[in-house]
Amino acid sequence: MLTAHPAPSRASTRAVVIGLSCVLAAAALAAAPPAKRRATLVVTGGTVVTMDPQRRVLSPGAVAIDGTSIVAVDTPEAISRGFAAADVVQAGGSVVLPGLINTHGHAAMVMYRGLADDLVLMDWLQKYIFPAEAKTVSPEMVRIGSRLAALEMLQSGTTLHTDMYYFEEEVAKATKEAGLRGVLGQTIIGFPVADAKTPAEGLARAERFMNAYRGDPLIVATVAAHSMYTVDASDLKATRDLARKYGVPLLTHLAETRDEVAESLQKHQMTPAAYFESIGFWDTPSIAAHGVHLTDADLSILEKHRVGLSHNPESNMKLASGAAPVMKSLKAGLAVGLGTDGAASNNDLDMFEAMRQAAFLNKLSDNDPTAASAQTVLEMATIGGASALGMADRIGSLEAGKLADVIVVSMRSARQTPMYNPVSHLVYATRGDDVRTVVVNGRVVMRDRRVLTLNPAAVLADANRLAATVRAAVAPSAPQSRVAR
């Protein structure tokens, strides 16, 4: 006997269909690739030299940036799978690395480039540079000179420069206009200068400057005591107190020449580093430029106070100041960065040239070809400089979470072919004009050698116009060039 079964209701049929649809949708979702994260910029396809704690080199590699920060560093395939980029920089045939950090300079002094050469430091300063500054330094001079310096640094891969000069607010304006970072110190000096007749006036100007740029994403506004031989103890202490009040690194020159050390020994019966310690100058985070003539006891003092050092090989050689004990400083535990010094005593702002000369000088002075290896010197120009400035948690390497300061350096020239070791090539074969693209704080400021923030023709025209004024102001004292006629 057959039993009749009732036909399924419309409601039950609909439930089955919905259930099947949910199962199929869930299966589809499980099979679908995960949603891509947003990236405002991806730099991909080049050899990525990260300078991270493991010193990873990815060949090829890619860097993903969202806004102002790096969000991932990985293979191009992994970055492509994980990120949807609004903009892409193709870096094939290039090395991608952190932006270079110049830990000491005087940007506006590009206007004195070649004005006086082949002199000892004190003659160079007292007979040419100080008189030239007395006649020509003005807000306009600093503005025009700093824009020229910023253009030169941007075009050669520097993303942060450290400055000590006058009218420092003009340096800050030029730095921001170019889209670069700056640790900028209003200079305090013990005699009348263009922007301050007394150290007290200079300190007041410095505090206004520091307040104006407090919290700025690109500018760290600070104060700079010129040196122990141009600033007295009370003003050195006041400069320290001001830096400490605002929580910014204190800048100074230190032990640049034998004469400076001899003067300190005669006046204070102490080396410059020991004298600074005796008055409590190092009692706030500081960075000292040059450090050429440092004793082992000096290095112990600086390490105790965590003072950062800026090594300036080119100006130290050109002025015959000597060779700084860089390897000893590193072994003592000091953070050592690299600087160009001002273009009046260098005469360029190319950090690749500074790296090359740092390697060669320290090998020669230590009589050791293994000293100042390419890896060591590249560290000084990147993460070492960031450490010296107290900024290694934010910049100096390509790591997720750090600020996006990235440069792309072409390796396609005959001079760089073949490339077995990218770190070697960066230090020993590369020049500033090999830099193709520069990113600062996540913003592309130069792309394929085209500067996007400044008008290079206008910058050069302004500088050449001002040069005529400088030449006229110092013509009687400036050395004449010996050109065959």
Protein backbone atom coordinates (compact mmCIF):
# COMPACT_ATOMS: atom_id res chain seq x y z
CA MET A 1 0.00 0.00 0.00
CA LEU A 2 1.39 3.32 -1.04
CA THR A 3 1.39 6.21 1.44
CA ALA A 4 0.94 9.70 0.07
CA HIS A 5 3.36 12.41 1.39
CA PRO A 6 2.33 16.04 1.50
CA ALA A 7 4.18 18.40 -0.90
CA PRO A 8 6.75 20.67 0.83
CA SER A 9 5.44 24.09 1.71
CA ARG A 10 6.74 27.29 0.07
CA ALA A 11 8.20 28.39 3.43
CA SER A 12 10.25 25.24 3.87
CA THR A 13 11.51 25.43 0.28
CA ARG A 14 12.55 29.02 0.82
CA ALA A 15 14.42 28.03 4.01
CA VAL A 16 16.34 25.32 2.18
CA VAL A 17 17.28 27.74 -0.60
CA ILE A 18 18.38 30.38 1.92
CA GLY A 19 20.40 27.80 3.83
CA LEU A 20 22.13 26.61 0.70
CA SER A 21 22.84 30.22 -0.28
CA CYS A 22 24.41 30.93 3.10
CA VAL A 23 26.57 27.84 2.85
CA LEU A 24 27.69 28.78 -0.66
CA ALA A 25 28.35 32.40 0.39
CA ALA A 26 30.38 31.27 3.38
CA ALA A 27 32.38 28.94 1.17
CA ALA A 28 32.98 31.74 -1.30
CA LEU A 29 34.12 34.06 1.47
CA ALA A 30 36.45 31.42 2.83
CA ALA A 31 37.95 30.93 -0.62
CA ALA A 32 38.26 34.67 -1.42
CA PRO A 33 41.56 36.45 -0.72
CA PRO A 34 41.54 38.76 2.32
CA ALA A 35 40.68 42.39 1.67
CA LYS A 36 43.68 44.54 0.83
CA ARG A 37 44.81 47.24 3.22
CA ARG A 38 45.00 50.82 2.06
CA ALA A 39 48.39 52.32 1.15
CA THR A 40 48.89 55.85 -0.07
CA LEU A 41 52.23 54.93 -1.67
CA VAL A 42 54.16 51.77 -2.50
CA VAL A 43 57.81 51.77 -3.54
CA THR A 44 58.47 48.44 -5.22
CA GLY A 45 60.88 46.36 -7.25
CA GLY A 46 64.21 47.70 -6.02
CA THR A 47 66.79 46.24 -3.65
CA VAL A 48 65.57 47.39 -0.23
CA VAL A 49 68.33 48.10 2.30
CA THR A 50 66.28 48.38 5.46
CA MET A 51 68.89 49.32 8.16
CA ASP A 52 66.55 47.58 10.61
CA PRO A 53 68.02 45.76 13.65
CA GLN A 54 68.67 42.67 11.52
CA ARG A 55 70.09 44.83 8.68
CA ARG A 56 67.84 42.99 6.23
CA VAL A 57 68.37 43.47 2.51
CA LEU A 58 65.42 42.42 0.34
CA SER A 59 66.24 41.86 -3.32
CA PRO A 60 63.75 42.64 -4.64
CA GLY A 61 61.70 44.30 -1.96
CA ALA A 62 58.91 46.79 -1.47
CA VAL A 63 57.84 49.40 1.07
CA ALA A 64 54.19 50.23 1.74
CA ILE A 65 53.35 53.66 3.16
CA ASP A 66 50.05 54.94 4.49
CA GLY A 67 49.95 58.66 5.20
CA THR A 68 53.16 59.60 6.99
CA SER A 69 54.14 56.11 8.18
CA ILE A 70 55.63 52.92 6.83
CA VAL A 71 53.11 50.09 7.24
CA ALA A 72 55.04 47.15 5.77
CA VAL A 73 58.40 46.17 4.29
CA ASP A 74 58.34 42.88 2.39
CA THR A 75 58.70 41.26 -1.01
CA PRO A 76 56.91 42.94 -3.95
CA GLU A 77 54.54 39.97 -4.16
CA ALA A 78 53.58 40.16 -0.49
CA ILE A 79 53.03 43.91 -0.64
CA SER A 80 50.98 43.56 -3.84
CA ARG A 81 48.78 40.89 -2.24
CA GLY A 82 48.31 42.84 0.96
CA PHE A 83 47.94 46.46 -0.12
CA ALA A 84 45.95 48.55 -2.56
CA ALA A 85 48.19 51.49 -3.43
CA ALA A 86 46.98 54.90 -4.49
CA ASP A 87 50.42 55.62 -6.00
CA VAL A 88 53.32 53.36 -6.98
CA VAL A 89 57.00 54.15 -7.47
CA GLN A 90 58.68 51.50 -9.61
CA ALA A 91 62.23 51.09 -8.29
CA GLY A 92 63.65 48.39 -10.55
CA GLY A 93 67.39 48.81 -11.11
CA SER A 94 67.64 50.90 -7.93
CA VAL A 95 68.38 50.62 -4.23
CA VAL A 96 65.71 51.76 -1.78
CA LEU A 97 66.96 52.91 1.62
CA PRO A 98 66.14 55.27 4.49
CA GLY A 99 66.63 58.96 3.81
CA LEU A 100 70.09 60.20 4.74
CA ILE A 101 70.49 62.17 7.99
CA ASN A 102 72.95 65.07 8.02
CA THR A 103 73.84 65.64 11.68
CA HIS A 104 75.76 68.91 11.31
CA GLY A 105 75.72 71.87 8.98
CA HIS A 106 75.18 75.56 8.39
CA ALA A 107 72.75 75.63 5.48
CA ALA A 108 72.83 79.32 4.58
CA MET A 109 76.63 79.24 4.33
CA VAL A 110 76.28 77.78 0.84
CA MET A 111 76.40 81.47 -0.08
CA TYR A 112 80.09 81.44 0.98
CA ARG A 113 80.94 78.31 -1.00
CA GLY A 114 84.44 78.84 -2.41
CA LEU A 115 84.75 82.29 -0.88
CA ALA A 116 87.85 81.33 1.09
CA ASP A 117 89.71 78.05 0.76
CA ASP A 118 93.00 76.41 1.77
CA LEU A 119 93.25 78.10 5.18
CA VAL A 120 93.55 76.96 8.79
CA LEU A 121 90.31 77.13 10.75
CA MET A 122 90.97 80.25 12.81
CA ASP A 123 92.29 82.23 9.82
CA TRP A 124 89.36 81.02 7.75
CA LEU A 125 86.89 82.08 10.45
CA GLN A 126 88.44 85.31 11.70
CA LYS A 127 89.80 86.76 8.44
CA TYR A 128 87.08 85.73 6.01
CA ILE A 129 83.93 84.08 7.34
CA PHE A 130 83.19 86.24 10.40
CA PRO A 131 83.84 89.49 8.41
CA ALA A 132 81.72 88.22 5.52
CA GLU A 133 78.90 87.35 7.89
CA ALA A 134 79.10 90.76 9.58
CA LYS A 135 78.54 92.44 6.22
CA THR A 136 76.07 90.10 4.52
CA VAL A 137 74.00 88.00 6.95
CA SER A 138 70.37 89.08 6.90
CA PRO A 139 66.98 87.36 6.84
CA GLU A 140 67.06 87.52 3.03
CA MET A 141 70.55 86.00 2.86
CA VAL A 142 69.58 83.16 5.20
CA ARG A 143 66.33 82.54 3.33
CA ILE A 144 67.96 82.41 -0.11
CA GLY A 145 70.97 80.43 1.07
CA SER A 146 68.84 77.92 2.97
CA ARG A 147 66.58 77.35 -0.03
CA LEU A 148 69.67 76.66 -2.16
CA ALA A 149 71.01 74.26 0.49
CA ALA A 150 67.64 72.54 0.78
CA LEU A 151 67.54 72.04 -2.98
CA GLU A 152 71.04 70.55 -2.97
CA MET A 153 70.25 68.25 -0.05
CA LEU A 154 66.91 67.15 -1.48
CA GLN A 155 68.50 66.32 -4.85
CA SER A 156 71.19 64.21 -3.16
CA GLY A 157 69.01 62.15 -0.83
CA THR A 158 69.22 63.99 2.50
CA THR A 159 65.83 63.95 4.21
CA LEU A 160 66.86 65.51 7.55
CA HIS A 161 69.49 68.16 8.15
CA THR A 162 70.81 69.54 11.42
CA ASP A 163 71.59 73.25 11.35
CA MET A 164 73.30 75.88 13.47
CA TYR A 165 73.01 79.45 12.26
CA TYR A 166 71.33 82.84 12.60
CA PHE A 167 67.76 83.86 11.74
CA GLU A 168 66.94 80.20 12.18
CA GLU A 169 63.26 80.84 11.55
CA GLU A 170 64.21 81.50 7.92
CA VAL A 171 66.03 78.16 7.79
CA ALA A 172 62.88 76.51 9.10
CA LYS A 173 60.71 78.16 6.45
CA ALA A 174 63.03 77.04 3.66
CA THR A 175 63.25 73.52 5.09
CA LYS A 176 59.47 73.16 5.28
CA GLU A 177 59.03 74.66 1.82
CA ALA A 178 61.32 71.97 0.43
CA GLY A 179 59.45 69.30 2.39
CA LEU A 180 62.51 68.23 4.37
CA ARG A 181 63.00 67.57 8.07
CA GLY A 182 65.23 69.78 10.18
CA VAL A 183 66.75 69.82 13.65
CA LEU A 184 67.47 73.53 13.63
CA GLY A 185 69.44 75.37 16.29
CA GLN A 186 69.34 79.12 16.78
CA THR A 187 72.98 79.96 17.45
CA ILE A 188 74.16 81.60 20.66
CA ILE A 189 77.57 83.25 20.42
CA GLY A 190 79.47 85.65 22.68
CA PHE A 191 79.80 88.64 20.36
CA PRO A 192 77.33 90.75 18.37
CA VAL A 193 75.96 89.03 15.27
CA ALA A 194 73.34 89.93 12.70
CA ASP A 195 70.31 88.67 14.61
CA ALA A 196 71.39 89.27 18.23
CA LYS A 197 73.68 91.84 19.80
CA THR A 198 74.09 89.83 23.00
CA PRO A 199 73.74 86.17 24.05
CA ALA A 200 70.68 87.14 26.11
CA GLU A 201 69.05 88.55 22.99
CA GLY A 202 69.97 85.38 21.12
CA LEU A 203 68.41 83.21 23.83
CA ALA A 204 65.19 85.22 23.70
CA ARG A 205 65.10 84.83 19.92
CA ALA A 206 65.76 81.09 20.31
CA GLU A 207 62.85 80.68 22.71
CA ARG A 208 60.47 82.50 20.34
CA PHE A 209 61.66 80.21 17.55
CA MET A 210 61.18 77.10 19.68
CA ASN A 211 57.66 78.14 20.64
CA ALA A 212 56.73 78.90 17.03
CA TYR A 213 57.61 75.38 15.87
CA ARG A 214 56.64 73.37 18.92
CA GLY A 215 54.96 70.15 17.75
CA ASP A 216 55.75 70.72 14.08
CA PRO A 217 55.80 67.42 12.11
CA LEU A 218 58.99 68.33 10.22
CA ILE A 219 60.89 70.86 12.34
CA VAL A 220 62.59 70.30 15.70
CA ALA A 221 63.38 73.86 16.79
CA THR A 222 66.25 74.03 19.25
CA VAL A 223 69.21 76.11 20.37
CA ALA A 224 72.94 75.85 19.64
CA ALA A 225 75.84 77.05 21.77
CA HIS A 226 78.51 77.80 19.19
CA SER A 227 81.48 76.50 21.22
CA MET A 228 83.27 76.67 24.55
CA TYR A 229 85.67 79.30 23.15
CA THR A 230 82.94 81.71 21.93
CA VAL A 231 80.36 81.40 24.74
CA ASP A 232 81.03 81.95 28.43
CA ALA A 233 79.97 79.58 31.21
CA SER A 234 76.82 81.44 32.28
CA ASP A 235 75.50 81.59 28.72
CA LEU A 236 76.42 77.95 28.11
CA LYS A 237 74.34 77.02 31.14
CA ALA A 238 71.46 79.23 29.98
CA THR A 239 71.55 77.53 26.57
CA ARG A 240 71.45 74.11 28.25
CA ASP A 241 68.51 75.17 30.42
CA LEU A 242 66.54 76.36 27.41
CA ALA A 243 67.05 73.08 25.52
CA ARG A 244 66.08 71.12 28.62
CA LYS A 245 62.96 73.25 29.13
CA TYR A 246 61.67 72.38 25.65
CA GLY A 247 62.91 68.78 25.57
CA VAL A 248 65.01 69.21 22.44
CA PRO A 249 68.62 68.20 21.69
CA LEU A 250 71.27 70.79 22.50
CA LEU A 251 73.77 71.48 19.69
CA THR A 252 77.40 72.58 19.88
CA HIS A 253 80.87 72.29 18.33
CA LEU A 254 83.40 70.25 20.31
CA ALA A 255 87.17 69.69 20.18
CA GLU A 256 87.41 70.56 16.49
CA THR A 257 91.04 71.72 16.54
CA ARG A 258 94.20 71.36 18.60
CA ASP A 259 94.09 75.12 19.26
CA GLU A 260 90.66 74.78 20.86
CA VAL A 261 91.93 72.04 23.16
CA ALA A 262 95.07 74.03 24.02
CA GLU A 263 92.99 77.09 24.87
CA SER A 264 90.73 75.03 27.13
CA LEU A 265 93.69 73.45 28.90
CA GLN A 266 95.26 76.87 29.44
CA LYS A 267 92.10 78.59 30.68
CA HIS A 268 90.38 75.77 32.53
CA GLN A 269 93.06 73.08 32.98
CA MET A 270 90.56 70.71 31.33
CA THR A 271 89.75 69.46 27.86
CA PRO A 272 86.64 70.97 26.22
CA ALA A 273 84.58 67.83 26.95
CA ALA A 274 85.64 67.87 30.61
CA TYR A 275 85.00 71.62 30.88
CA PHE A 276 81.49 71.18 29.52
CA GLU A 277 80.93 68.43 32.09
CA SER A 278 82.27 70.60 34.91
CA ILE A 279 79.62 73.26 34.31
CA GLY A 280 76.80 70.74 33.78
CA PHE A 281 76.46 71.48 30.08
CA TRP A 282 75.94 67.80 29.23
CA ASP A 283 73.06 67.47 31.70
CA THR A 284 70.53 67.39 28.85
CA PRO A 285 70.49 65.38 25.60
CA SER A 286 73.15 66.87 23.33
CA ILE A 287 74.89 66.38 20.01
CA ALA A 288 78.44 67.59 19.52
CA ALA A 289 79.92 68.25 16.09
CA HIS A 290 83.44 67.22 15.07
CA GLY A 291 84.99 65.69 18.21
CA VAL A 292 88.32 65.47 16.40
CA HIS A 293 90.62 65.75 19.42
CA LEU A 294 88.98 63.58 22.05
CA THR A 295 90.92 61.62 24.64
CA ASP A 296 89.85 58.26 26.05
CA ALA A 297 88.74 60.14 29.19
CA ASP A 298 86.66 62.47 26.99
CA LEU A 299 84.95 59.49 25.36
CA SER A 300 84.06 58.15 28.80
CA ILE A 301 82.53 61.52 29.72
CA LEU A 302 80.49 61.66 26.53
CA GLU A 303 79.32 58.06 26.89
CA LYS A 304 78.29 58.69 30.49
CA HIS A 305 76.11 61.59 29.41
CA ARG A 306 74.90 59.89 26.22
CA VAL A 307 76.15 62.70 24.03
CA GLY A 308 75.72 62.08 20.31
CA LEU A 309 78.63 62.82 17.98
CA SER A 310 78.58 64.19 14.44
CA HIS A 311 81.58 63.14 12.33
CA ASN A 312 82.44 65.67 9.59
CA PRO A 313 85.29 64.11 7.61
CA GLU A 314 85.40 66.47 4.65
CA SER A 315 85.65 69.78 6.49
CA ASN A 316 88.04 68.21 9.02
CA MET A 317 90.33 67.15 6.19
CA LYS A 318 90.02 70.37 4.21
CA LEU A 319 90.85 72.51 7.23
CA ALA A 320 93.50 69.99 8.37
CA SER A 321 91.76 69.81 11.73
CA GLY A 322 92.60 66.14 12.07
CA ALA A 323 90.91 62.75 12.03
CA ALA A 324 88.28 62.08 14.68
CA PRO A 325 88.57 58.81 16.66
CA VAL A 326 85.41 57.41 15.12
CA MET A 327 86.06 53.71 15.67
CA LYS A 328 87.09 54.36 19.28
CA SER A 329 83.91 56.41 19.76
CA LEU A 330 81.74 53.60 18.42
CA LYS A 331 83.53 51.01 20.57
CA ALA A 332 82.96 53.27 23.59
CA GLY A 333 79.22 53.00 22.97
CA LEU A 334 78.63 56.46 21.55
CA ALA A 335 76.02 57.15 18.87
CA VAL A 336 77.91 58.61 15.91
CA GLY A 337 76.24 60.28 12.96
CA LEU A 338 77.66 61.81 9.82
CA GLY A 339 77.64 65.46 8.77
CA THR A 340 78.76 67.58 5.85
CA ASP A 341 79.37 70.77 7.85
CA GLY A 342 78.64 73.95 5.91
CA ALA A 343 79.41 74.28 2.21
CA ALA A 344 81.82 77.10 3.02
CA SER A 345 84.24 74.50 4.40
CA ASN A 346 83.35 71.34 2.51
CA ASN A 347 82.29 72.53 -0.25
CA ASP A 348 79.18 70.44 -0.95
CA LEU A 349 76.26 68.95 0.94
CA ASP A 350 76.40 65.50 -0.66
CA MET A 351 76.08 62.86 2.05
CA PHE A 352 77.21 60.11 -0.31
CA GLU A 353 80.51 61.93 -0.69
CA ALA A 354 80.65 62.31 3.10
CA MET A 355 80.18 58.56 3.49
CA ARG A 356 82.95 57.75 1.03
CA GLN A 357 85.39 60.16 2.66
CA ALA A 358 84.49 58.95 6.16
CA ALA A 359 85.39 55.40 5.16
CA PHE A 360 88.67 56.39 3.52
CA LEU A 361 89.79 58.84 6.22
CA ASN A 362 89.23 56.41 9.08
CA LYS A 363 90.94 53.54 7.30
CA LEU A 364 93.95 55.76 6.71
CA SER A 365 94.08 57.34 10.17
CA ASP A 366 93.67 53.96 11.91
CA ASN A 367 96.10 52.28 9.49
CA ASP A 368 93.46 49.57 9.18
CA PRO A 369 91.59 48.73 5.96
CA THR A 370 88.87 47.00 7.98
CA ALA A 371 88.03 50.17 9.91
CA ALA A 372 84.91 52.15 8.96
CA SER A 373 83.43 49.43 6.76
CA ALA A 374 80.76 50.30 4.23
CA GLN A 375 78.13 48.90 6.60
CA THR A 376 79.43 50.99 9.51
CA VAL A 377 79.51 54.19 7.50
CA LEU A 378 76.03 53.64 6.03
CA GLU A 379 74.79 53.15 9.58
CA MET A 380 76.31 56.51 10.54
CA ALA A 381 74.42 58.21 7.70
CA THR A 382 71.08 56.63 8.64
CA ILE A 383 70.21 54.90 11.91
CA GLY A 384 73.39 56.13 13.65
CA GLY A 385 72.52 59.74 12.87
CA ALA A 386 68.98 59.17 14.10
CA SER A 387 70.37 57.70 17.34
CA ALA A 388 72.76 60.63 17.82
CA LEU A 389 69.79 63.00 17.53
CA GLY A 390 67.60 60.92 19.84
CA MET A 391 65.20 60.11 16.98
CA ALA A 392 65.94 56.45 16.24
CA ASP A 393 62.44 55.44 17.36
CA ARG A 394 60.99 57.48 14.47
CA ILE A 395 63.44 57.58 11.56
CA GLY A 396 66.70 56.08 10.28
CA SER A 397 65.49 52.68 9.06
CA LEU A 398 62.73 51.18 6.94
CA GLU A 399 60.46 49.47 9.47
CA ALA A 400 56.71 49.29 9.95
CA GLY A 401 55.61 52.04 12.33
CA LYS A 402 58.42 54.45 11.50
CA LEU A 403 57.97 57.69 9.62
CA ALA A 404 58.20 57.30 5.86
CA ASP A 405 61.50 58.90 4.85
CA VAL A 406 62.66 56.88 1.83
CA ILE A 407 65.03 57.44 -1.08
CA VAL A 408 65.44 55.58 -4.36
CA VAL A 409 68.99 55.48 -5.75
CA SER A 410 69.65 54.39 -9.31
CA MET A 411 72.27 51.67 -9.85
CA ARG A 412 72.16 51.73 -13.66
CA SER A 413 75.30 53.72 -14.47
CA ALA A 414 78.56 52.27 -15.79
CA ARG A 415 80.20 53.36 -12.53
CA GLN A 416 77.85 51.07 -10.61
CA THR A 417 77.95 48.03 -12.87
CA PRO A 418 78.10 45.20 -11.91
CA MET A 419 76.52 45.37 -8.44
CA TYR A 420 77.41 42.50 -6.12
CA ASN A 421 76.88 44.29 -2.81
CA PRO A 422 74.42 47.21 -2.61
CA VAL A 423 75.87 48.52 0.66
CA SER A 424 79.34 48.67 -0.86
CA HIS A 425 78.00 50.53 -3.90
CA LEU A 426 76.13 53.06 -1.77
CA VAL A 427 79.31 54.03 0.09
CA TYR A 428 82.08 53.56 -2.47
CA ALA A 429 80.50 54.15 -5.90
CA THR A 430 77.36 56.27 -5.52
CA ARG A 431 77.00 60.05 -5.82
CA GLY A 432 74.21 62.34 -4.80
CA ASP A 433 73.00 62.81 -8.36
CA ASP A 434 72.24 59.07 -8.55
CA VAL A 435 69.24 59.71 -6.28
CA ARG A 436 66.08 59.49 -8.35
CA THR A 437 63.16 59.78 -5.93
CA VAL A 438 62.83 61.18 -2.40
CA VAL A 439 59.95 60.66 0.03
CA VAL A 440 59.76 62.61 3.30
CA ASN A 441 57.03 62.01 5.86
CA GLY A 442 55.16 59.98 3.24
CA ARG A 443 55.21 62.79 0.67
CA VAL A 444 57.05 62.47 -2.65
CA VAL A 445 59.21 65.61 -2.83
CA MET A 446 61.31 64.53 -5.82
CA ARG A 447 60.29 62.00 -8.45
CA ASP A 448 62.56 60.81 -11.25
CA ARG A 449 64.87 63.79 -10.54
CA ARG A 450 61.97 66.26 -10.83
CA VAL A 451 61.74 68.38 -7.68
CA LEU A 452 58.09 68.82 -6.73
CA THR A 453 58.38 71.31 -3.87
CA LEU A 454 60.79 73.98 -5.09
CA ASN A 455 61.36 75.76 -8.39
CA PRO A 456 65.05 74.96 -9.02
CA ALA A 457 65.48 77.69 -11.64
CA ALA A 458 64.12 80.35 -9.29
CA VAL A 459 66.24 79.07 -6.38
CA LEU A 460 69.42 79.25 -8.48
CA ALA A 461 68.54 82.67 -9.88
CA ASP A 462 68.02 84.10 -6.40
CA ALA A 463 71.31 82.61 -5.20
CA ASN A 464 73.26 84.01 -8.14
CA ARG A 465 71.73 87.44 -7.60
CA LEU A 466 72.70 87.37 -3.92
CA ALA A 467 76.19 86.12 -4.78
CA ALA A 468 76.90 89.42 -6.51
CA THR A 469 76.08 91.22 -3.26
CA VAL A 470 78.31 88.90 -1.24
CA ARG A 471 81.17 89.31 -3.70
CA ALA A 472 80.92 93.09 -3.59
CA ALA A 473 80.80 93.13 0.22
CA VAL A 474 83.93 91.04 0.72
CA ALA A 475 85.92 91.81 -2.45
CA PRO A 476 88.81 93.62 -0.72
CA SER A 477 89.54 90.69 1.61
CA ALA A 478 88.50 87.67 -0.45
CA PRO A 479 91.38 85.71 -1.97
CA GLN A 480 91.68 86.20 -5.71
CA SER A 481 91.35 83.13 -7.89
CA ARG A 482 94.39 82.33 -9.96
CA VAL A 483 92.95 81.92 -13.41
CA ALA A 484 95.18 82.00 -16.46
CA ARG A 485 94.22 84.83 -18.77
